[in-house]
Amino acid sequence: MSGSLNKVLLIGNLGRDPELKSTPSGQSVARFSVATTETWKNQAGEKQSKTEWHNIVVWGKQAEIAEKYLRKGKQVMIEGRIQYREYTDQAGVKKTACDIRCDNFVMLGRMEDGGGSREGGYSRGGAQDFEDHGAPSPAAGGSFPDDDIPF
């Protein structure tokens, strides 16, 4: 294989509401955290778990959508890539941070709980806005024909 790949796919819960800011040039950027938890049984058969926290960065229109719809505790799928950045803390010490640069996110869970549905989510390459998806919405009284369910 002659190329390389930097791709991340996370499904987890938001640790905090997205914080929306603008760069000096007017570009929107949102930051939030997502927790993923792995569970397993050890050799003694006892259930173990470990939670990892991921810093998520979203840019542009997608950042504005994230700030409007994503809420702490809700489940989300994040698709993106790993990016490292260096910064100097208040004590003057150089540090490195690892972020997930979000290219796409999908709200998961039930709509009543503030989650998404089949049409929920936003892709930076999508031509449709988050609210104008053109598919029937169960919340609006529509239904999905069984033939449209992919599983």
N, C-alpha and C. Protein backbone atom coordinates (compact mmCIF):
# COMPACT_ATOMS: atom_id res chain seq x y z
N MET A 1 0.85 -1.17 0.00
CA MET A 1 0.00 0.00 0.00
C MET A 1 0.89 1.23 0.00
N SER A 2 0.65 2.14 -0.89
CA SER A 2 1.54 3.28 -1.04
C SER A 2 1.08 4.53 -0.30
N GLY A 3 -0.09 4.52 0.28
CA GLY A 3 -0.61 5.72 0.95
C GLY A 3 -0.64 5.56 2.44
N SER A 4 -1.26 6.50 3.08
CA SER A 4 -1.45 6.41 4.53
C SER A 4 -2.88 6.86 4.84
N LEU A 5 -3.31 6.60 6.06
CA LEU A 5 -4.68 6.89 6.44
C LEU A 5 -4.71 7.36 7.89
N ASN A 6 -5.37 8.46 8.13
CA ASN A 6 -5.60 8.99 9.47
C ASN A 6 -7.10 9.12 9.61
N LYS A 7 -7.75 8.12 10.20
CA LYS A 7 -9.21 8.10 10.29
C LYS A 7 -9.62 7.62 11.67
N VAL A 8 -10.60 8.30 12.24
CA VAL A 8 -11.12 7.97 13.57
C VAL A 8 -12.63 7.86 13.48
N LEU A 9 -13.19 6.85 14.13
CA LEU A 9 -14.63 6.70 14.24
C LEU A 9 -14.92 6.41 15.71
N LEU A 10 -15.65 7.32 16.35
CA LEU A 10 -15.98 7.19 17.77
C LEU A 10 -17.48 7.19 17.95
N ILE A 11 -17.96 6.37 18.86
CA ILE A 11 -19.34 6.45 19.32
C ILE A 11 -19.27 6.56 20.83
N GLY A 12 -19.79 7.66 21.34
CA GLY A 12 -19.72 7.89 22.77
C GLY A 12 -20.70 8.96 23.19
N ASN A 13 -20.52 9.45 24.41
CA ASN A 13 -21.41 10.44 24.97
C ASN A 13 -20.68 11.75 25.19
N LEU A 14 -21.39 12.85 24.91
CA LEU A 14 -20.79 14.17 25.10
C LEU A 14 -20.52 14.42 26.56
N GLY A 15 -19.32 14.88 26.86
CA GLY A 15 -18.93 15.21 28.23
C GLY A 15 -19.31 16.62 28.61
N ARG A 16 -19.54 17.47 27.61
CA ARG A 16 -19.96 18.85 27.84
C ARG A 16 -20.60 19.39 26.58
N ASP A 17 -21.40 20.44 26.72
CA ASP A 17 -22.00 21.09 25.56
C ASP A 17 -20.90 21.70 24.71
N PRO A 18 -21.08 21.73 23.40
CA PRO A 18 -20.09 22.37 22.53
C PRO A 18 -19.96 23.86 22.87
N GLU A 19 -18.72 24.33 22.82
CA GLU A 19 -18.43 25.75 23.05
C GLU A 19 -18.04 26.35 21.71
N LEU A 20 -18.85 27.28 21.22
CA LEU A 20 -18.65 27.88 19.91
C LEU A 20 -17.88 29.18 20.02
N LYS A 21 -16.85 29.33 19.19
CA LYS A 21 -16.06 30.56 19.11
C LYS A 21 -15.84 30.88 17.64
N SER A 22 -15.30 32.05 17.38
CA SER A 22 -14.96 32.44 16.02
C SER A 22 -13.49 32.84 15.98
N THR A 23 -12.83 32.50 14.89
CA THR A 23 -11.45 32.92 14.68
C THR A 23 -11.46 34.40 14.28
N PRO A 24 -10.32 35.08 14.30
CA PRO A 24 -10.28 36.48 13.86
C PRO A 24 -10.79 36.68 12.43
N SER A 25 -10.68 35.64 11.60
CA SER A 25 -11.15 35.75 10.22
C SER A 25 -12.66 35.45 10.11
N GLY A 26 -13.31 35.11 11.22
CA GLY A 26 -14.74 34.86 11.21
C GLY A 26 -15.15 33.41 11.07
N GLN A 27 -14.19 32.49 11.02
CA GLN A 27 -14.47 31.07 10.90
C GLN A 27 -14.99 30.54 12.24
N SER A 28 -16.09 29.79 12.23
CA SER A 28 -16.65 29.20 13.45
C SER A 28 -15.88 27.94 13.82
N VAL A 29 -15.68 27.76 15.12
CA VAL A 29 -15.05 26.54 15.63
C VAL A 29 -15.73 26.17 16.94
N ALA A 30 -16.07 24.89 17.08
CA ALA A 30 -16.69 24.39 18.31
C ALA A 30 -15.80 23.31 18.90
N ARG A 31 -15.72 23.30 20.20
CA ARG A 31 -14.95 22.29 20.93
C ARG A 31 -15.85 21.64 21.97
N PHE A 32 -15.69 20.32 22.12
CA PHE A 32 -16.40 19.58 23.16
C PHE A 32 -15.67 18.27 23.39
N SER A 33 -16.08 17.54 24.40
CA SER A 33 -15.44 16.27 24.70
C SER A 33 -16.45 15.13 24.52
N VAL A 34 -15.92 13.96 24.18
CA VAL A 34 -16.72 12.75 24.04
C VAL A 34 -16.05 11.65 24.85
N ALA A 35 -16.84 10.92 25.62
CA ALA A 35 -16.34 9.80 26.41
C ALA A 35 -16.72 8.49 25.73
N THR A 36 -15.74 7.60 25.62
CA THR A 36 -16.00 6.24 25.15
C THR A 36 -15.59 5.29 26.27
N THR A 37 -16.40 4.27 26.50
CA THR A 37 -16.13 3.33 27.58
C THR A 37 -16.03 1.92 27.04
N GLU A 38 -14.94 1.27 27.39
CA GLU A 38 -14.70 -0.13 27.01
C GLU A 38 -14.96 -1.00 28.25
N THR A 39 -15.70 -2.08 28.07
CA THR A 39 -15.95 -3.01 29.18
C THR A 39 -15.51 -4.40 28.78
N TRP A 40 -15.04 -5.16 29.77
CA TRP A 40 -14.58 -6.52 29.55
C TRP A 40 -14.58 -7.25 30.89
N LYS A 41 -14.39 -8.55 30.83
CA LYS A 41 -14.27 -9.35 32.05
C LYS A 41 -12.81 -9.77 32.19
N ASN A 42 -12.28 -9.66 33.41
CA ASN A 42 -10.91 -10.08 33.65
C ASN A 42 -10.86 -11.60 33.82
N GLN A 43 -9.69 -12.12 34.10
CA GLN A 43 -9.52 -13.58 34.20
C GLN A 43 -10.36 -14.19 35.31
N ALA A 44 -10.67 -13.39 36.33
CA ALA A 44 -11.50 -13.88 37.44
C ALA A 44 -12.99 -13.76 37.11
N GLY A 45 -13.33 -13.25 35.92
CA GLY A 45 -14.72 -13.12 35.53
C GLY A 45 -15.39 -11.85 36.02
N GLU A 46 -14.59 -10.94 36.60
CA GLU A 46 -15.15 -9.69 37.11
C GLU A 46 -15.22 -8.66 35.99
N LYS A 47 -16.32 -7.92 35.98
CA LYS A 47 -16.51 -6.90 34.96
C LYS A 47 -15.58 -5.72 35.22
N GLN A 48 -14.88 -5.30 34.18
CA GLN A 48 -13.97 -4.17 34.26
C GLN A 48 -14.40 -3.14 33.21
N SER A 49 -14.05 -1.89 33.42
CA SER A 49 -14.34 -0.87 32.40
C SER A 49 -13.30 0.24 32.47
N LYS A 50 -13.12 0.89 31.34
CA LYS A 50 -12.19 2.02 31.25
C LYS A 50 -12.81 3.06 30.33
N THR A 51 -12.83 4.30 30.78
CA THR A 51 -13.37 5.40 29.99
C THR A 51 -12.23 6.25 29.46
N GLU A 52 -12.29 6.54 28.17
CA GLU A 52 -11.33 7.44 27.52
C GLU A 52 -12.06 8.72 27.16
N TRP A 53 -11.40 9.86 27.33
CA TRP A 53 -11.97 11.16 26.97
C TRP A 53 -11.27 11.69 25.74
N HIS A 54 -12.05 12.17 24.78
CA HIS A 54 -11.52 12.65 23.50
C HIS A 54 -11.93 14.11 23.31
N ASN A 55 -10.98 14.94 22.94
CA ASN A 55 -11.25 16.34 22.64
C ASN A 55 -11.64 16.44 21.17
N ILE A 56 -12.82 16.99 20.90
CA ILE A 56 -13.35 17.08 19.54
C ILE A 56 -13.33 18.55 19.11
N VAL A 57 -12.90 18.78 17.85
CA VAL A 57 -12.88 20.11 17.26
C VAL A 57 -13.67 20.04 15.95
N VAL A 58 -14.64 20.94 15.81
CA VAL A 58 -15.49 21.00 14.61
C VAL A 58 -15.40 22.41 14.04
N TRP A 59 -15.30 22.52 12.72
CA TRP A 59 -15.13 23.81 12.06
C TRP A 59 -16.31 24.16 11.16
N GLY A 60 -16.47 25.45 10.88
CA GLY A 60 -17.41 25.95 9.89
C GLY A 60 -18.87 25.81 10.30
N LYS A 61 -19.72 25.62 9.30
CA LYS A 61 -21.17 25.50 9.51
C LYS A 61 -21.48 24.34 10.44
N GLN A 62 -20.70 23.27 10.31
CA GLN A 62 -20.90 22.11 11.16
C GLN A 62 -20.70 22.46 12.64
N ALA A 63 -19.79 23.39 12.93
CA ALA A 63 -19.56 23.84 14.32
C ALA A 63 -20.81 24.53 14.85
N GLU A 64 -21.44 25.34 14.02
CA GLU A 64 -22.66 26.04 14.43
C GLU A 64 -23.80 25.05 14.68
N ILE A 65 -23.89 24.02 13.85
CA ILE A 65 -24.91 22.99 14.02
C ILE A 65 -24.66 22.19 15.30
N ALA A 66 -23.39 21.87 15.56
CA ALA A 66 -23.04 21.13 16.78
C ALA A 66 -23.44 21.93 18.01
N GLU A 67 -23.13 23.22 18.01
CA GLU A 67 -23.45 24.07 19.15
C GLU A 67 -24.96 24.15 19.37
N LYS A 68 -25.71 24.13 18.30
CA LYS A 68 -27.17 24.26 18.39
C LYS A 68 -27.84 22.97 18.86
N TYR A 69 -27.35 21.80 18.44
CA TYR A 69 -28.07 20.55 18.67
C TYR A 69 -27.43 19.58 19.66
N LEU A 70 -26.12 19.58 19.79
CA LEU A 70 -25.48 18.59 20.67
C LEU A 70 -25.53 19.06 22.11
N ARG A 71 -25.81 18.13 23.02
CA ARG A 71 -25.91 18.45 24.44
C ARG A 71 -25.18 17.40 25.28
N LYS A 72 -24.67 17.85 26.41
CA LYS A 72 -23.95 16.99 27.34
C LYS A 72 -24.78 15.74 27.65
N GLY A 73 -24.11 14.58 27.60
CA GLY A 73 -24.74 13.31 27.94
C GLY A 73 -25.33 12.58 26.75
N LYS A 74 -25.59 13.27 25.65
CA LYS A 74 -26.20 12.63 24.48
C LYS A 74 -25.18 11.81 23.72
N GLN A 75 -25.67 10.75 23.10
CA GLN A 75 -24.79 9.87 22.33
C GLN A 75 -24.59 10.42 20.93
N VAL A 76 -23.37 10.32 20.43
CA VAL A 76 -23.02 10.86 19.12
C VAL A 76 -21.97 9.96 18.47
N MET A 77 -22.01 9.93 17.14
CA MET A 77 -20.95 9.27 16.39
C MET A 77 -20.11 10.37 15.75
N ILE A 78 -18.81 10.29 15.92
CA ILE A 78 -17.86 11.26 15.39
C ILE A 78 -16.98 10.55 14.38
N GLU A 79 -16.85 11.14 13.20
CA GLU A 79 -15.93 10.65 12.19
C GLU A 79 -14.94 11.77 11.90
N GLY A 80 -13.66 11.44 11.94
CA GLY A 80 -12.66 12.48 11.71
C GLY A 80 -11.27 11.92 11.65
N ARG A 81 -10.33 12.74 12.13
CA ARG A 81 -8.92 12.35 12.09
C ARG A 81 -8.21 12.92 13.31
N ILE A 82 -7.10 12.30 13.66
CA ILE A 82 -6.30 12.74 14.81
C ILE A 82 -5.42 13.91 14.38
N GLN A 83 -5.39 14.94 15.22
CA GLN A 83 -4.48 16.06 15.00
C GLN A 83 -3.79 16.39 16.32
N TYR A 84 -2.50 16.67 16.24
CA TYR A 84 -1.75 17.09 17.41
C TYR A 84 -1.44 18.58 17.28
N ARG A 85 -1.44 19.27 18.40
CA ARG A 85 -1.09 20.68 18.40
C ARG A 85 -0.21 20.97 19.61
N GLU A 86 0.69 21.90 19.43
CA GLU A 86 1.55 22.33 20.52
C GLU A 86 1.10 23.68 21.03
N TYR A 87 1.24 23.86 22.33
CA TYR A 87 0.90 25.14 22.94
C TYR A 87 1.78 25.33 24.17
N THR A 88 1.81 26.55 24.66
CA THR A 88 2.57 26.88 25.86
C THR A 88 1.57 27.22 26.96
N ASP A 89 1.69 26.52 28.10
CA ASP A 89 0.74 26.77 29.19
C ASP A 89 1.10 28.07 29.93
N GLN A 90 0.32 28.39 30.95
CA GLN A 90 0.51 29.65 31.67
C GLN A 90 1.84 29.72 32.39
N ALA A 91 2.41 28.55 32.71
CA ALA A 91 3.71 28.52 33.38
C ALA A 91 4.86 28.57 32.38
N GLY A 92 4.55 28.66 31.08
CA GLY A 92 5.59 28.73 30.06
C GLY A 92 6.11 27.39 29.60
N VAL A 93 5.43 26.30 29.97
CA VAL A 93 5.86 24.96 29.59
C VAL A 93 5.19 24.56 28.28
N LYS A 94 6.01 24.07 27.32
CA LYS A 94 5.44 23.61 26.05
C LYS A 94 4.75 22.27 26.26
N LYS A 95 3.56 22.16 25.70
CA LYS A 95 2.78 20.92 25.83
C LYS A 95 2.22 20.54 24.47
N THR A 96 1.84 19.27 24.36
CA THR A 96 1.21 18.76 23.14
C THR A 96 -0.17 18.23 23.50
N ALA A 97 -1.15 18.56 22.68
CA ALA A 97 -2.52 18.09 22.89
C ALA A 97 -2.94 17.27 21.68
N CYS A 98 -3.79 16.29 21.93
CA CYS A 98 -4.33 15.45 20.86
C CYS A 98 -5.81 15.78 20.71
N ASP A 99 -6.21 16.17 19.50
CA ASP A 99 -7.61 16.48 19.20
C ASP A 99 -8.11 15.55 18.12
N ILE A 100 -9.42 15.38 18.07
CA ILE A 100 -10.07 14.70 16.95
C ILE A 100 -10.70 15.80 16.12
N ARG A 101 -10.21 15.98 14.91
CA ARG A 101 -10.78 16.96 13.97
C ARG A 101 -11.99 16.29 13.33
N CYS A 102 -13.17 16.75 13.69
CA CYS A 102 -14.42 16.13 13.24
C CYS A 102 -14.73 16.54 11.81
N ASP A 103 -14.89 15.54 10.94
CA ASP A 103 -15.32 15.78 9.56
C ASP A 103 -16.82 15.56 9.41
N ASN A 104 -17.40 14.76 10.30
CA ASN A 104 -18.81 14.40 10.21
C ASN A 104 -19.26 13.94 11.59
N PHE A 105 -20.49 14.28 11.96
CA PHE A 105 -21.05 13.73 13.19
C PHE A 105 -22.50 13.37 12.95
N VAL A 106 -22.97 12.39 13.72
CA VAL A 106 -24.36 11.96 13.66
C VAL A 106 -24.86 11.84 15.08
N MET A 107 -25.99 12.49 15.35
CA MET A 107 -26.62 12.37 16.66
C MET A 107 -27.29 11.00 16.74
N LEU A 108 -27.08 10.29 17.82
CA LEU A 108 -27.67 8.98 18.01
C LEU A 108 -28.70 9.04 19.13
N GLY A 109 -29.48 8.00 19.27
CA GLY A 109 -30.48 7.96 20.33
C GLY A 109 -31.84 8.35 19.80
N ARG A 110 -32.81 8.40 20.69
CA ARG A 110 -34.19 8.71 20.32
C ARG A 110 -34.37 10.22 20.19
N MET A 111 -35.24 10.62 19.28
CA MET A 111 -35.51 12.04 19.07
C MET A 111 -36.11 12.69 20.32
N GLU A 112 -36.95 11.96 21.06
CA GLU A 112 -37.56 12.51 22.27
C GLU A 112 -36.51 12.90 23.29
N ASP A 113 -35.37 12.21 23.26
CA ASP A 113 -34.29 12.46 24.21
C ASP A 113 -33.30 13.49 23.68
N GLY A 114 -33.60 14.10 22.55
CA GLY A 114 -32.70 15.08 21.97
C GLY A 114 -31.66 14.44 21.06
N GLY A 115 -31.85 13.17 20.74
CA GLY A 115 -30.93 12.49 19.84
C GLY A 115 -31.38 12.62 18.42
N GLY A 116 -30.74 11.89 17.55
CA GLY A 116 -31.07 11.97 16.14
C GLY A 116 -32.03 10.87 15.74
N SER A 117 -32.18 10.70 14.47
CA SER A 117 -32.98 9.63 13.91
C SER A 117 -32.28 9.19 12.65
N ARG A 118 -32.95 8.47 11.79
CA ARG A 118 -32.32 8.03 10.55
C ARG A 118 -31.78 9.19 9.75
N GLU A 119 -32.49 10.33 9.77
CA GLU A 119 -32.04 11.46 9.00
C GLU A 119 -31.20 12.44 9.82
N GLY A 120 -31.03 12.19 11.11
CA GLY A 120 -30.26 13.09 11.94
C GLY A 120 -28.79 13.02 11.61
N GLY A 121 -28.12 14.12 11.77
CA GLY A 121 -26.69 14.17 11.53
C GLY A 121 -26.35 15.19 10.48
N TYR A 122 -25.08 15.40 10.29
CA TYR A 122 -24.65 16.40 9.33
C TYR A 122 -23.33 15.96 8.75
N SER A 123 -23.22 16.06 7.48
CA SER A 123 -21.98 15.75 6.79
C SER A 123 -21.50 17.00 6.10
N ARG A 124 -20.22 17.32 6.22
CA ARG A 124 -19.73 18.55 5.62
C ARG A 124 -19.91 18.55 4.12
N GLY A 125 -20.02 17.38 3.51
CA GLY A 125 -20.20 17.30 2.07
C GLY A 125 -21.66 17.26 1.66
N GLY A 126 -22.58 17.22 2.63
CA GLY A 126 -24.00 17.10 2.32
C GLY A 126 -24.58 18.39 1.80
N ALA A 127 -25.50 18.28 0.87
CA ALA A 127 -26.14 19.46 0.29
C ALA A 127 -27.35 19.89 1.10
N GLN A 128 -27.87 19.01 1.95
CA GLN A 128 -29.06 19.33 2.71
C GLN A 128 -28.67 19.86 4.08
N ASP A 129 -29.43 20.83 4.55
CA ASP A 129 -29.22 21.36 5.89
C ASP A 129 -29.72 20.34 6.90
N PHE A 130 -29.28 20.44 8.13
CA PHE A 130 -29.63 19.51 9.19
C PHE A 130 -31.13 19.43 9.38
N GLU A 131 -31.84 20.58 9.30
CA GLU A 131 -33.27 20.59 9.54
C GLU A 131 -34.08 20.24 8.31
N ASP A 132 -33.50 20.37 7.12
CA ASP A 132 -34.22 20.13 5.88
C ASP A 132 -33.68 18.88 5.22
N HIS A 133 -34.10 17.73 5.71
CA HIS A 133 -33.52 16.48 5.25
C HIS A 133 -34.35 15.80 4.19
N GLY A 134 -35.57 16.21 4.00
CA GLY A 134 -36.39 15.67 2.94
C GLY A 134 -36.94 14.28 3.19
N ALA A 135 -36.66 13.67 4.32
CA ALA A 135 -37.18 12.34 4.64
C ALA A 135 -38.32 12.49 5.64
N PRO A 136 -39.25 11.52 5.67
CA PRO A 136 -40.34 11.62 6.63
C PRO A 136 -39.81 11.53 8.05
N SER A 137 -40.33 12.32 8.93
CA SER A 137 -39.89 12.34 10.32
C SER A 137 -40.93 11.66 11.20
N PRO A 138 -40.54 10.67 12.00
CA PRO A 138 -41.50 10.04 12.90
C PRO A 138 -42.13 11.05 13.85
N ALA A 139 -41.38 12.09 14.25
CA ALA A 139 -41.91 13.09 15.16
C ALA A 139 -42.98 13.94 14.49
N ALA A 140 -42.91 14.04 13.15
CA ALA A 140 -43.88 14.85 12.42
C ALA A 140 -45.07 14.00 11.97
N GLY A 141 -45.20 12.78 12.45
CA GLY A 141 -46.31 11.93 12.10
C GLY A 141 -46.03 11.03 10.92
N GLY A 142 -44.86 11.16 10.31
CA GLY A 142 -44.50 10.30 9.18
C GLY A 142 -44.03 8.96 9.69
N SER A 143 -43.85 8.03 8.80
CA SER A 143 -43.32 6.74 9.20
C SER A 143 -42.35 6.27 8.14
N PHE A 144 -41.50 5.36 8.51
CA PHE A 144 -40.53 4.80 7.60
C PHE A 144 -41.08 3.46 7.09
N PRO A 145 -41.22 3.31 5.79
CA PRO A 145 -41.63 2.01 5.29
C PRO A 145 -40.59 0.96 5.66
N ASP A 146 -41.03 -0.26 5.94
CA ASP A 146 -40.10 -1.32 6.33
C ASP A 146 -39.03 -1.55 5.26
N ASP A 147 -39.37 -1.27 3.99
CA ASP A 147 -38.39 -1.47 2.92
C ASP A 147 -37.23 -0.51 3.01
N ASP A 148 -37.38 0.62 3.71
CA ASP A 148 -36.32 1.62 3.80
C ASP A 148 -35.37 1.37 4.96
N ILE A 149 -35.68 0.42 5.81
CA ILE A 149 -34.83 0.14 6.96
C ILE A 149 -33.68 -0.75 6.48
N PRO A 150 -32.42 -0.30 6.68
CA PRO A 150 -31.28 -1.02 6.10
C PRO A 150 -30.85 -2.28 6.84
N PHE A 151 -31.58 -2.72 7.84
CA PHE A 151 -31.18 -3.94 8.55
C PHE A 151 -32.36 -4.83 8.80
